[in-house]
PDB file of N, CA and C in Angstrom:
ATOM      1  N   GLN A   1       0.833  -1.192   0.000  1.00  0.00           N
ATOM      2  CA  GLN A   1       0.000   0.000   0.000  1.00  0.00           C
ATOM      3  C   GLN A   1       0.872   1.249   0.000  1.00  0.00           C
ATOM      4  N   VAL A   2       0.378   2.247  -0.699  1.00  0.00           N
ATOM      5  CA  VAL A   2       1.055   3.543  -0.746  1.00  0.00           C
ATOM      6  C   VAL A   2       0.040   4.611  -0.359  1.00  0.00           C
ATOM      7  N   GLN A   3       0.450   5.507   0.498  1.00  0.00           N
ATOM      8  CA  GLN A   3      -0.383   6.643   0.872  1.00  0.00           C
ATOM      9  C   GLN A   3       0.236   7.911   0.303  1.00  0.00           C
ATOM     10  N   LEU A   4      -0.615   8.807  -0.168  1.00  0.00           N
ATOM     11  CA  LEU A   4      -0.168  10.048  -0.798  1.00  0.00           C
ATOM     12  C   LEU A   4      -0.810  11.238  -0.108  1.00  0.00           C
ATOM     13  N   VAL A   5       0.000  12.242   0.167  1.00  0.00           N
ATOM     14  CA  VAL A   5      -0.505  13.468   0.776  1.00  0.00           C
ATOM     15  C   VAL A   5      -0.037  14.651  -0.055  1.00  0.00           C
ATOM     16  N   GLU A   6      -1.003  15.409  -0.587  1.00  0.00           N
ATOM     17  CA  GLU A   6      -0.690  16.556  -1.427  1.00  0.00           C
ATOM     18  C   GLU A   6      -0.725  17.840  -0.613  1.00  0.00           C
ATOM     19  N   SER A   7      -0.014  18.833  -1.111  1.00  0.00           N
ATOM     20  CA  SER A   7      -0.065  20.164  -0.528  1.00  0.00           C
ATOM     21  C   SER A   7       0.331  21.178  -1.592  1.00  0.00           C
ATOM     22  N   GLY A   8       0.002  22.441  -1.322  1.00  0.00           N
ATOM     23  CA  GLY A   8       0.463  23.512  -2.193  1.00  0.00           C
ATOM     24  C   GLY A   8      -0.586  24.160  -3.062  1.00  0.00           C
ATOM     25  N   GLY A   9      -1.801  23.678  -3.031  1.00  0.00           N
ATOM     26  CA  GLY A   9      -2.829  24.319  -3.837  1.00  0.00           C
ATOM     27  C   GLY A   9      -3.222  25.666  -3.257  1.00  0.00           C
ATOM     28  N   GLY A  10      -4.070  26.380  -3.997  1.00  0.00           N
ATOM     29  CA  GLY A  10      -4.527  27.674  -3.506  1.00  0.00           C
ATOM     30  C   GLY A  10      -5.110  28.523  -4.609  1.00  0.00           C
ATOM     31  N   LEU A  11      -5.252  29.796  -4.288  1.00  0.00           N
ATOM     32  CA  LEU A  11      -5.812  30.783  -5.221  1.00  0.00           C
ATOM     33  C   LEU A  11      -4.699  31.664  -5.743  1.00  0.00           C
ATOM     34  N   VAL A  12      -4.655  31.837  -7.056  1.00  0.00           N
ATOM     35  CA  VAL A  12      -3.611  32.658  -7.666  1.00  0.00           C
ATOM     36  C   VAL A  12      -4.219  33.405  -8.848  1.00  0.00           C
ATOM     37  N   GLN A  13      -3.646  34.538  -9.174  1.00  0.00           N
ATOM     38  CA  GLN A  13      -4.121  35.309 -10.317  1.00  0.00           C
ATOM     39  C   GLN A  13      -3.533  34.762 -11.616  1.00  0.00           C
ATOM     40  N   THR A  14      -4.194  35.086 -12.705  1.00  0.00           N
ATOM     41  CA  THR A  14      -3.689  34.697 -14.024  1.00  0.00           C
ATOM     42  C   THR A  14      -2.252  35.169 -14.200  1.00  0.00           C
ATOM     43  N   GLY A  15      -1.413  34.252 -14.684  1.00  0.00           N
ATOM     44  CA  GLY A  15      -0.006  34.554 -14.866  1.00  0.00           C
ATOM     45  C   GLY A  15       0.852  34.206 -13.675  1.00  0.00           C
ATOM     46  N   GLY A  16       0.227  33.844 -12.588  1.00  0.00           N
ATOM     47  CA  GLY A  16       0.971  33.517 -11.372  1.00  0.00           C
ATOM     48  C   GLY A  16       1.507  32.100 -11.375  1.00  0.00           C
ATOM     49  N   SER A  17       2.104  31.740 -10.250  1.00  0.00           N
ATOM     50  CA  SER A  17       2.745  30.427 -10.112  1.00  0.00           C
ATOM     51  C   SER A  17       2.321  29.759  -8.815  1.00  0.00           C
ATOM     52  N   LEU A  18       2.323  28.447  -8.856  1.00  0.00           N
ATOM     53  CA  LEU A  18       2.109  27.629  -7.674  1.00  0.00           C
ATOM     54  C   LEU A  18       2.991  26.395  -7.782  1.00  0.00           C
ATOM     55  N   ARG A  19       3.331  25.835  -6.630  1.00  0.00           N
ATOM     56  CA  ARG A  19       4.083  24.586  -6.608  1.00  0.00           C
ATOM     57  C   ARG A  19       3.337  23.579  -5.750  1.00  0.00           C
ATOM     58  N   LEU A  20       2.996  22.463  -6.363  1.00  0.00           N
ATOM     59  CA  LEU A  20       2.330  21.383  -5.651  1.00  0.00           C
ATOM     60  C   LEU A  20       3.370  20.349  -5.220  1.00  0.00           C
ATOM     61  N   SER A  21       3.112  19.748  -4.069  1.00  0.00           N
ATOM     62  CA  SER A  21       3.962  18.673  -3.569  1.00  0.00           C
ATOM     63  C   SER A  21       3.104  17.471  -3.224  1.00  0.00           C
ATOM     64  N   CYS A  22       3.680  16.307  -3.374  1.00  0.00           N
ATOM     65  CA  CYS A  22       2.984  15.069  -3.021  1.00  0.00           C
ATOM     66  C   CYS A  22       3.995  14.118  -2.401  1.00  0.00           C
ATOM     67  N   ALA A  23       3.785  13.817  -1.132  1.00  0.00           N
ATOM     68  CA  ALA A  23       4.683  12.926  -0.411  1.00  0.00           C
ATOM     69  C   ALA A  23       4.051  11.547  -0.280  1.00  0.00           C
ATOM     70  N   ALA A  24       4.805  10.544  -0.660  1.00  0.00           N
ATOM     71  CA  ALA A  24       4.335   9.158  -0.567  1.00  0.00           C
ATOM     72  C   ALA A  24       4.900   8.498   0.676  1.00  0.00           C
ATOM     73  N   SER A  25       4.118   7.597   1.233  1.00  0.00           N
ATOM     74  CA  SER A  25       4.569   6.798   2.371  1.00  0.00           C
ATOM     75  C   SER A  25       4.034   5.380   2.203  1.00  0.00           C
ATOM     76  N   GLY A  26       4.558   4.491   3.001  1.00  0.00           N
ATOM     77  CA  GLY A  26       4.163   3.088   2.881  1.00  0.00           C
ATOM     78  C   GLY A  26       5.176   2.343   2.040  1.00  0.00           C
ATOM     79  N   SER A  27       4.701   1.569   1.094  1.00  0.00           N
ATOM     80  CA  SER A  27       5.571   0.739   0.248  1.00  0.00           C
ATOM     81  C   SER A  27       6.171   1.568  -0.887  1.00  0.00           C
ATOM     82  N   THR A  28       6.965   2.560  -0.519  1.00  0.00           N
ATOM     83  CA  THR A  28       7.490   3.491  -1.524  1.00  0.00           C
ATOM     84  C   THR A  28       8.521   2.854  -2.440  1.00  0.00           C
ATOM     85  N   GLY A  29       9.128   1.772  -1.992  1.00  0.00           N
ATOM     86  CA  GLY A  29      10.093   1.093  -2.840  1.00  0.00           C
ATOM     87  C   GLY A  29       9.481   0.448  -4.059  1.00  0.00           C
ATOM     88  N   SER A  30       8.163   0.295  -4.052  1.00  0.00           N
ATOM     89  CA  SER A  30       7.476  -0.323  -5.183  1.00  0.00           C
ATOM     90  C   SER A  30       7.033   0.682  -6.232  1.00  0.00           C
ATOM     91  N   ILE A  31       7.259   1.976  -5.971  1.00  0.00           N
ATOM     92  CA  ILE A  31       6.758   3.020  -6.871  1.00  0.00           C
ATOM     93  C   ILE A  31       7.588   3.126  -8.140  1.00  0.00           C
ATOM     94  N   ASN A  32       6.920   3.161  -9.285  1.00  0.00           N
ATOM     95  CA  ASN A  32       7.579   3.424 -10.562  1.00  0.00           C
ATOM     96  C   ASN A  32       7.226   4.835 -11.031  1.00  0.00           C
ATOM     97  N   VAL A  33       5.987   5.029 -11.381  1.00  0.00           N
ATOM     98  CA  VAL A  33       5.561   6.315 -11.923  1.00  0.00           C
ATOM     99  C   VAL A  33       4.922   7.173 -10.832  1.00  0.00           C
ATOM    100  N   MET A  34       5.247   8.448 -10.849  1.00  0.00           N
ATOM    101  CA  MET A  34       4.543   9.425 -10.005  1.00  0.00           C
ATOM    102  C   MET A  34       4.077  10.553 -10.914  1.00  0.00           C
ATOM    103  N   GLY A  35       2.907  11.060 -10.633  1.00  0.00           N
ATOM    104  CA  GLY A  35       2.413  12.097 -11.512  1.00  0.00           C
ATOM    105  C   GLY A  35       1.232  12.859 -10.960  1.00  0.00           C
ATOM    106  N   TRP A  36       0.711  13.731 -11.805  1.00  0.00           N
ATOM    107  CA  TRP A  36      -0.395  14.599 -11.444  1.00  0.00           C
ATOM    108  C   TRP A  36      -1.488  14.513 -12.497  1.00  0.00           C
ATOM    109  N   TYR A  37      -2.705  14.485 -12.020  1.00  0.00           N
ATOM    110  CA  TYR A  37      -3.893  14.573 -12.844  1.00  0.00           C
ATOM    111  C   TYR A  37      -4.737  15.718 -12.293  1.00  0.00           C
ATOM    112  N   ARG A  38      -5.689  16.157 -13.084  1.00  0.00           N
ATOM    113  CA  ARG A  38      -6.588  17.197 -12.608  1.00  0.00           C
ATOM    114  C   ARG A  38      -7.999  16.973 -13.109  1.00  0.00           C
ATOM    115  N   GLN A  39      -8.951  17.512 -12.362  1.00  0.00           N
ATOM    116  CA  GLN A  39     -10.349  17.401 -12.737  1.00  0.00           C
ATOM    117  C   GLN A  39     -11.045  18.725 -12.481  1.00  0.00           C
ATOM    118  N   ALA A  40     -11.511  19.321 -13.558  1.00  0.00           N
ATOM    119  CA  ALA A  40     -12.263  20.564 -13.462  1.00  0.00           C
ATOM    120  C   ALA A  40     -13.751  20.240 -13.306  1.00  0.00           C
ATOM    121  N   PRO A  41     -14.527  21.157 -12.775  1.00  0.00           N
ATOM    122  CA  PRO A  41     -15.966  20.901 -12.597  1.00  0.00           C
ATOM    123  C   PRO A  41     -16.640  20.509 -13.904  1.00  0.00           C
ATOM    124  N   GLY A  42     -17.385  19.411 -13.878  1.00  0.00           N
ATOM    125  CA  GLY A  42     -18.109  18.964 -15.052  1.00  0.00           C
ATOM    126  C   GLY A  42     -17.273  18.280 -16.112  1.00  0.00           C
ATOM    127  N   LYS A  43     -15.984  18.072 -15.812  1.00  0.00           N
ATOM    128  CA  LYS A  43     -15.096  17.445 -16.798  1.00  0.00           C
ATOM    129  C   LYS A  43     -14.491  16.177 -16.233  1.00  0.00           C
ATOM    130  N   GLN A  44     -13.957  15.358 -17.140  1.00  0.00           N
ATOM    131  CA  GLN A  44     -13.289  14.138 -16.718  1.00  0.00           C
ATOM    132  C   GLN A  44     -11.893  14.443 -16.184  1.00  0.00           C
ATOM    133  N   ARG A  45     -11.421  13.552 -15.340  1.00  0.00           N
ATOM    134  CA  ARG A  45     -10.057  13.689 -14.844  1.00  0.00           C
ATOM    135  C   ARG A  45      -9.096  13.488 -16.007  1.00  0.00           C
ATOM    136  N   GLU A  46      -8.064  14.333 -16.062  1.00  0.00           N
ATOM    137  CA  GLU A  46      -7.120  14.264 -17.167  1.00  0.00           C
ATOM    138  C   GLU A  46      -5.684  14.286 -16.658  1.00  0.00           C
ATOM    139  N   LEU A  47      -4.812  13.690 -17.449  1.00  0.00           N
ATOM    140  CA  LEU A  47      -3.397  13.683 -17.113  1.00  0.00           C
ATOM    141  C   LEU A  47      -2.812  15.079 -17.252  1.00  0.00           C
ATOM    142  N   VAL A  48      -1.960  15.436 -16.295  1.00  0.00           N
ATOM    143  CA  VAL A  48      -1.208  16.685 -16.375  1.00  0.00           C
ATOM    144  C   VAL A  48       0.252  16.373 -16.702  1.00  0.00           C
ATOM    145  N   ALA A  49       0.877  15.571 -15.862  1.00  0.00           N
ATOM    146  CA  ALA A  49       2.286  15.233 -16.071  1.00  0.00           C
ATOM    147  C   ALA A  49       2.629  14.005 -15.249  1.00  0.00           C
ATOM    148  N   THR A  50       3.555  13.206 -15.775  1.00  0.00           N
ATOM    149  CA  THR A  50       4.059  12.053 -15.039  1.00  0.00           C
ATOM    150  C   THR A  50       5.565  11.963 -15.198  1.00  0.00           C
ATOM    151  N   LYS A  51       6.180  11.266 -14.248  1.00  0.00           N
ATOM    152  CA  LYS A  51       7.620  11.051 -14.322  1.00  0.00           C
ATOM    153  C   LYS A  51       7.921   9.670 -13.760  1.00  0.00           C
ATOM    154  N   THR A  52       8.671   8.892 -14.532  1.00  0.00           N
ATOM    155  CA  THR A  52       9.012   7.548 -14.091  1.00  0.00           C
ATOM    156  C   THR A  52      10.241   7.574 -13.190  1.00  0.00           C
ATOM    157  N   SER A  53      10.522   6.448 -12.577  1.00  0.00           N
ATOM    158  CA  SER A  53      11.662   6.373 -11.667  1.00  0.00           C
ATOM    159  C   SER A  53      12.986   6.530 -12.404  1.00  0.00           C
ATOM    160  N   ASP A  54      13.005   6.259 -13.709  1.00  0.00           N
ATOM    161  CA  ASP A  54      14.237   6.433 -14.482  1.00  0.00           C
ATOM    162  C   ASP A  54      14.262   7.768 -15.214  1.00  0.00           C
ATOM    163  N   GLY A  55      13.344   8.664 -14.866  1.00  0.00           N
ATOM    164  CA  GLY A  55      13.427  10.039 -15.329  1.00  0.00           C
ATOM    165  C   GLY A  55      12.621  10.421 -16.558  1.00  0.00           C
ATOM    166  N   ARG A  56      11.893   9.493 -17.148  1.00  0.00           N
ATOM    167  CA  ARG A  56      11.100   9.839 -18.315  1.00  0.00           C
ATOM    168  C   ARG A  56       9.876  10.648 -17.902  1.00  0.00           C
ATOM    169  N   THR A  57       9.602  11.714 -18.651  1.00  0.00           N
ATOM    170  CA  THR A  57       8.472  12.585 -18.343  1.00  0.00           C
ATOM    171  C   THR A  57       7.454  12.582 -19.477  1.00  0.00           C
ATOM    172  N   ASN A  58       6.241  12.917 -19.098  1.00  0.00           N
ATOM    173  CA  ASN A  58       5.155  13.018 -20.060  1.00  0.00           C
ATOM    174  C   ASN A  58       4.265  14.165 -19.611  1.00  0.00           C
ATOM    175  N   TYR A  59       3.942  15.060 -20.537  1.00  0.00           N
ATOM    176  CA  TYR A  59       3.117  16.222 -20.209  1.00  0.00           C
ATOM    177  C   TYR A  59       1.907  16.300 -21.132  1.00  0.00           C
ATOM    178  N   ALA A  60       0.823  16.797 -20.603  1.00  0.00           N
ATOM    179  CA  ALA A  60      -0.307  17.154 -21.449  1.00  0.00           C
ATOM    180  C   ALA A  60       0.094  18.330 -22.319  1.00  0.00           C
ATOM    181  N   ASP A  61      -0.392  18.351 -23.544  1.00  0.00           N
ATOM    182  CA  ASP A  61      -0.043  19.441 -24.457  1.00  0.00           C
ATOM    183  C   ASP A  61      -0.410  20.809 -23.872  1.00  0.00           C
ATOM    184  N   SER A  62      -1.483  20.846 -23.120  1.00  0.00           N
ATOM    185  CA  SER A  62      -1.979  22.115 -22.601  1.00  0.00           C
ATOM    186  C   SER A  62      -1.068  22.746 -21.549  1.00  0.00           C
ATOM    187  N   VAL A  63      -0.146  21.969 -20.994  1.00  0.00           N
ATOM    188  CA  VAL A  63       0.718  22.499 -19.941  1.00  0.00           C
ATOM    189  C   VAL A  63       2.187  22.530 -20.338  1.00  0.00           C
ATOM    190  N   LYS A  64       2.519  21.996 -21.496  1.00  0.00           N
ATOM    191  CA  LYS A  64       3.921  21.982 -21.939  1.00  0.00           C
ATOM    192  C   LYS A  64       4.478  23.397 -22.009  1.00  0.00           C
ATOM    193  N   GLY A  65       5.668  23.554 -21.463  1.00  0.00           N
ATOM    194  CA  GLY A  65       6.303  24.861 -21.450  1.00  0.00           C
ATOM    195  C   GLY A  65       5.924  25.734 -20.273  1.00  0.00           C
ATOM    196  N   ARG A  66       4.892  25.326 -19.541  1.00  0.00           N
ATOM    197  CA  ARG A  66       4.452  26.109 -18.369  1.00  0.00           C
ATOM    198  C   ARG A  66       4.622  25.341 -17.063  1.00  0.00           C
ATOM    199  N   PHE A  67       4.396  24.040 -17.098  1.00  0.00           N
ATOM    200  CA  PHE A  67       4.490  23.202 -15.904  1.00  0.00           C
ATOM    201  C   PHE A  67       5.735  22.336 -15.977  1.00  0.00           C
ATOM    202  N   THR A  68       6.315  22.065 -14.808  1.00  0.00           N
ATOM    203  CA  THR A  68       7.468  21.177 -14.731  1.00  0.00           C
ATOM    204  C   THR A  68       7.269  20.194 -13.589  1.00  0.00           C
ATOM    205  N   ILE A  69       7.407  18.914 -13.909  1.00  0.00           N
ATOM    206  CA  ILE A  69       7.310  17.883 -12.890  1.00  0.00           C
ATOM    207  C   ILE A  69       8.718  17.464 -12.476  1.00  0.00           C
ATOM    208  N   SER A  70       8.886  17.237 -11.186  1.00  0.00           N
ATOM    209  CA  SER A  70      10.174  16.770 -10.678  1.00  0.00           C
ATOM    210  C   SER A  70       9.933  15.788  -9.539  1.00  0.00           C
ATOM    211  N   ARG A  71      10.963  15.006  -9.254  1.00  0.00           N
ATOM    212  CA  ARG A  71      10.849  14.003  -8.204  1.00  0.00           C
ATOM    213  C   ARG A  71      12.087  14.028  -7.331  1.00  0.00           C
ATOM    214  N   ASP A  72      11.884  13.776  -6.057  1.00  0.00           N
ATOM    215  CA  ASP A  72      12.964  13.506  -5.126  1.00  0.00           C
ATOM    216  C   ASP A  72      12.748  12.074  -4.665  1.00  0.00           C
ATOM    217  N   ASN A  73      13.439  11.151  -5.312  1.00  0.00           N
ATOM    218  CA  ASN A  73      13.192   9.737  -5.018  1.00  0.00           C
ATOM    219  C   ASN A  73      13.589   9.385  -3.585  1.00  0.00           C
ATOM    220  N   ALA A  74      14.589  10.053  -3.058  1.00  0.00           N
ATOM    221  CA  ALA A  74      15.015   9.780  -1.677  1.00  0.00           C
ATOM    222  C   ALA A  74      13.911  10.134  -0.682  1.00  0.00           C
ATOM    223  N   LYS A  75      13.118  11.139  -1.021  1.00  0.00           N
ATOM    224  CA  LYS A  75      12.018  11.572  -0.155  1.00  0.00           C
ATOM    225  C   LYS A  75      10.672  11.021  -0.625  1.00  0.00           C
ATOM    226  N   SER A  76      10.678  10.259  -1.708  1.00  0.00           N
ATOM    227  CA  SER A  76       9.428   9.718  -2.274  1.00  0.00           C
ATOM    228  C   SER A  76       8.410  10.832  -2.478  1.00  0.00           C
ATOM    229  N   THR A  77       8.879  11.912  -3.048  1.00  0.00           N
ATOM    230  CA  THR A  77       8.043  13.093  -3.225  1.00  0.00           C
ATOM    231  C   THR A  77       8.093  13.544  -4.684  1.00  0.00           C
ATOM    232  N   VAL A  78       6.950  13.951  -5.184  1.00  0.00           N
ATOM    233  CA  VAL A  78       6.863  14.508  -6.536  1.00  0.00           C
ATOM    234  C   VAL A  78       6.322  15.921  -6.439  1.00  0.00           C
ATOM    235  N   TYR A  79       6.831  16.769  -7.304  1.00  0.00           N
ATOM    236  CA  TYR A  79       6.459  18.178  -7.307  1.00  0.00           C
ATOM    237  C   TYR A  79       5.896  18.557  -8.685  1.00  0.00           C
ATOM    238  N   LEU A  80       5.073  19.588  -8.665  1.00  0.00           N
ATOM    239  CA  LEU A  80       4.594  20.157  -9.923  1.00  0.00           C
ATOM    240  C   LEU A  80       4.728  21.665  -9.817  1.00  0.00           C
ATOM    241  N   GLN A  81       5.677  22.212 -10.543  1.00  0.00           N
ATOM    242  CA  GLN A  81       5.840  23.656 -10.608  1.00  0.00           C
ATOM    243  C   GLN A  81       4.975  24.175 -11.742  1.00  0.00           C
ATOM    244  N   MET A  82       4.046  25.039 -11.400  1.00  0.00           N
ATOM    245  CA  MET A  82       3.101  25.565 -12.374  1.00  0.00           C
ATOM    246  C   MET A  82       3.321  27.056 -12.544  1.00  0.00           C
ATOM    247  N   ASN A  83       3.713  27.453 -13.729  1.00  0.00           N
ATOM    248  CA  ASN A  83       3.950  28.846 -14.055  1.00  0.00           C
ATOM    249  C   ASN A  83       2.967  29.322 -15.118  1.00  0.00           C
ATOM    250  N   SER A  84       2.856  30.610 -15.249  1.00  0.00           N
ATOM    251  CA  SER A  84       1.975  31.213 -16.258  1.00  0.00           C
ATOM    252  C   SER A  84       0.582  30.603 -16.206  1.00  0.00           C
ATOM    253  N   LEU A  85       0.041  30.538 -15.020  1.00  0.00           N
ATOM    254  CA  LEU A  85      -1.249  29.881 -14.835  1.00  0.00           C
ATOM    255  C   LEU A  85      -2.371  30.644 -15.522  1.00  0.00           C
ATOM    256  N   LYS A  86      -3.338  29.869 -16.012  1.00  0.00           N
ATOM    257  CA  LYS A  86      -4.482  30.401 -16.726  1.00  0.00           C
ATOM    258  C   LYS A  86      -5.766  29.988 -16.011  1.00  0.00           C
ATOM    259  N   PRO A  87      -6.844  30.703 -16.205  1.00  0.00           N
ATOM    260  CA  PRO A  87      -8.112  30.303 -15.575  1.00  0.00           C
ATOM    261  C   PRO A  87      -8.508  28.859 -15.922  1.00  0.00           C
ATOM    262  N   GLU A  88      -8.170  28.415 -17.108  1.00  0.00           N
ATOM    263  CA  GLU A  88      -8.521  27.036 -17.499  1.00  0.00           C
ATOM    264  C   GLU A  88      -7.693  25.975 -16.778  1.00  0.00           C
ATOM    265  N   ASP A  89      -6.707  26.394 -16.006  1.00  0.00           N
ATOM    266  CA  ASP A  89      -5.960  25.459 -15.164  1.00  0.00           C
ATOM    267  C   ASP A  89      -6.680  25.194 -13.846  1.00  0.00           C
ATOM    268  N   THR A  90      -7.741  25.922 -13.589  1.00  0.00           N
ATOM    269  CA  THR A  90      -8.507  25.732 -12.360  1.00  0.00           C
ATOM    270  C   THR A  90      -9.084  24.322 -12.312  1.00  0.00           C
ATOM    271  N   ALA A  91      -8.775  23.617 -11.228  1.00  0.00           N
ATOM    272  CA  ALA A  91      -9.206  22.233 -11.089  1.00  0.00           C
ATOM    273  C   ALA A  91      -8.756  21.703  -9.730  1.00  0.00           C
ATOM    274  N   VAL A  92      -9.247  20.527  -9.406  1.00  0.00           N
ATOM    275  CA  VAL A  92      -8.669  19.779  -8.288  1.00  0.00           C
ATOM    276  C   VAL A  92      -7.543  18.932  -8.872  1.00  0.00           C
ATOM    277  N   TYR A  93      -6.369  19.071  -8.287  1.00  0.00           N
ATOM    278  CA  TYR A  93      -5.188  18.350  -8.761  1.00  0.00           C
ATOM    279  C   TYR A  93      -4.954  17.143  -7.860  1.00  0.00           C
ATOM    280  N   TYR A  94      -4.794  15.995  -8.494  1.00  0.00           N
ATOM    281  CA  TYR A  94      -4.614  14.741  -7.777  1.00  0.00           C
ATOM    282  C   TYR A  94      -3.237  14.161  -8.062  1.00  0.00           C
ATOM    283  N   CYS A  95      -2.581  13.743  -7.016  1.00  0.00           N
ATOM    284  CA  CYS A  95      -1.334  13.008  -7.145  1.00  0.00           C
ATOM    285  C   CYS A  95      -1.659  11.545  -7.418  1.00  0.00           C
ATOM    286  N   ASN A  96      -0.827  10.923  -8.214  1.00  0.00           N
ATOM    287  CA  ASN A  96      -1.047   9.528  -8.583  1.00  0.00           C
ATOM    288  C   ASN A  96       0.285   8.794  -8.615  1.00  0.00           C
ATOM    289  N   THR A  97       0.281   7.559  -8.171  1.00  0.00           N
ATOM    290  CA  THR A  97       1.467   6.723  -8.320  1.00  0.00           C
ATOM    291  C   THR A  97       1.083   5.390  -8.934  1.00  0.00           C
ATOM    292  N   GLY A  98       2.018   4.841  -9.686  1.00  0.00           N
ATOM    293  CA  GLY A  98       1.865   3.506 -10.230  1.00  0.00           C
ATOM    294  C   GLY A  98       3.055   2.672  -9.795  1.00  0.00           C
ATOM    295  N   THR A  99       2.772   1.473  -9.319  1.00  0.00           N
ATOM    296  CA  THR A  99       3.848   0.622  -8.841  1.00  0.00           C
ATOM    297  C   THR A  99       4.309  -0.344  -9.932  1.00  0.00           C
ATOM    298  N   TYR A 100       5.423  -0.998  -9.669  1.00  0.00           N
ATOM    299  CA  TYR A 100       5.954  -1.981 -10.613  1.00  0.00           C
ATOM    300  C   TYR A 100       5.010  -3.178 -10.757  1.00  0.00           C
ATOM    301  N   ARG A 101       4.151  -3.393  -9.782  1.00  0.00           N
ATOM    302  CA  ARG A 101       3.206  -4.510  -9.846  1.00  0.00           C
ATOM    303  C   ARG A 101       1.892  -4.115 -10.501  1.00  0.00           C
ATOM    304  N   GLY A 102       1.784  -2.857 -10.939  1.00  0.00           N
ATOM    305  CA  GLY A 102       0.589  -2.436 -11.646  1.00  0.00           C
ATOM    306  C   GLY A 102      -0.504  -1.850 -10.789  1.00  0.00           C
ATOM    307  N   ALA A 103      -0.221  -1.597  -9.519  1.00  0.00           N
ATOM    308  CA  ALA A 103      -1.222  -0.970  -8.649  1.00  0.00           C
ATOM    309  C   ALA A 103      -1.136   0.550  -8.789  1.00  0.00           C
ATOM    310  N   PHE A 104      -2.266   1.190  -8.605  1.00  0.00           N
ATOM    311  CA  PHE A 104      -2.325   2.652  -8.696  1.00  0.00           C
ATOM    312  C   PHE A 104      -2.955   3.212  -7.435  1.00  0.00           C
ATOM    313  N   TYR A 105      -2.431   4.359  -7.028  1.00  0.00           N
ATOM    314  CA  TYR A 105      -2.928   5.011  -5.823  1.00  0.00           C
ATOM    315  C   TYR A 105      -3.160   6.485  -6.110  1.00  0.00           C
ATOM    316  N   TRP A 106      -4.150   7.054  -5.400  1.00  0.00           N
ATOM    317  CA  TRP A 106      -4.493   8.463  -5.586  1.00  0.00           C
ATOM    318  C   TRP A 106      -4.404   9.214  -4.266  1.00  0.00           C
ATOM    319  N   GLY A 107      -4.016  10.478  -4.366  1.00  0.00           N
ATOM    320  CA  GLY A 107      -4.105  11.351  -3.218  1.00  0.00           C
ATOM    321  C   GLY A 107      -5.514  11.895  -3.078  1.00  0.00           C
ATOM    322  N   GLN A 108      -5.711  12.730  -2.064  1.00  0.00           N
ATOM    323  CA  GLN A 108      -7.049  13.243  -1.779  1.00  0.00           C
ATOM    324  C   GLN A 108      -7.413  14.439  -2.645  1.00  0.00           C
ATOM    325  N   GLY A 109      -6.428  15.014  -3.291  1.00  0.00           N
ATOM    326  CA  GLY A 109      -6.671  16.158  -4.167  1.00  0.00           C
ATOM    327  C   GLY A 109      -6.432  17.476  -3.475  1.00  0.00           C
ATOM    328  N   THR A 110      -5.984  18.444  -4.257  1.00  0.00           N
ATOM    329  CA  THR A 110      -5.781  19.803  -3.756  1.00  0.00           C
ATOM    330  C   THR A 110      -6.325  20.786  -4.793  1.00  0.00           C
ATOM    331  N   GLN A 111      -7.058  21.776  -4.308  1.00  0.00           N
ATOM    332  CA  GLN A 111      -7.725  22.716  -5.208  1.00  0.00           C
ATOM    333  C   GLN A 111      -6.755  23.784  -5.693  1.00  0.00           C
ATOM    334  N   VAL A 112      -6.764  24.010  -6.985  1.00  0.00           N
ATOM    335  CA  VAL A 112      -6.036  25.115  -7.596  1.00  0.00           C
ATOM    336  C   VAL A 112      -7.062  25.992  -8.302  1.00  0.00           C
ATOM    337  N   THR A 113      -7.097  27.264  -7.938  1.00  0.00           N
ATOM    338  CA  THR A 113      -8.018  28.205  -8.551  1.00  0.00           C
ATOM    339  C   THR A 113      -7.234  29.372  -9.113  1.00  0.00           C
ATOM    340  N   VAL A 114      -7.439  29.647 -10.402  1.00  0.00           N
ATOM    341  CA  VAL A 114      -6.758  30.742 -11.071  1.00  0.00           C
ATOM    342  C   VAL A 114      -7.811  31.777 -11.436  1.00  0.00           C
ATOM    343  N   SER A 115      -7.671  32.956 -10.864  1.00  0.00           N
ATOM    344  CA  SER A 115      -8.643  34.018 -11.114  1.00  0.00           C
ATOM    345  C   SER A 115      -8.222  34.859 -12.306  1.00  0.00           C
ATOM    346  N   SER A 116      -9.204  35.331 -13.026  1.00  0.00           N
ATOM    347  CA  SER A 116      -8.920  36.148 -14.219  1.00  0.00           C
ATOM    348  C   SER A 116      -8.856  37.620 -13.885  1.00  0.00           C
TER     349      SER A 116
END
């Protein structure tokens, strides 16, 4: 089992920045992929960015060039640096991990609101 705790959400104006953090605990040695998804009101949850344990990254087209995902494997923590935020980035952001055995875990979510 892996437990995830997110932090760093909040309210920011258009063009501002936020940094999300997600700390994993439990069976952290089994973690392969760590990443972020988001869900806006009335929309499906969508991928934002992921990073594997060997450093491969994947970003949604809508955030490329603005968001950066990073990991501290020693701390079992993943970060999402969000710059040049837009109102359409407003959503609940969820941390996600995938293990080598194919299990997936979700955090509780953190609200990000970008005002225009």
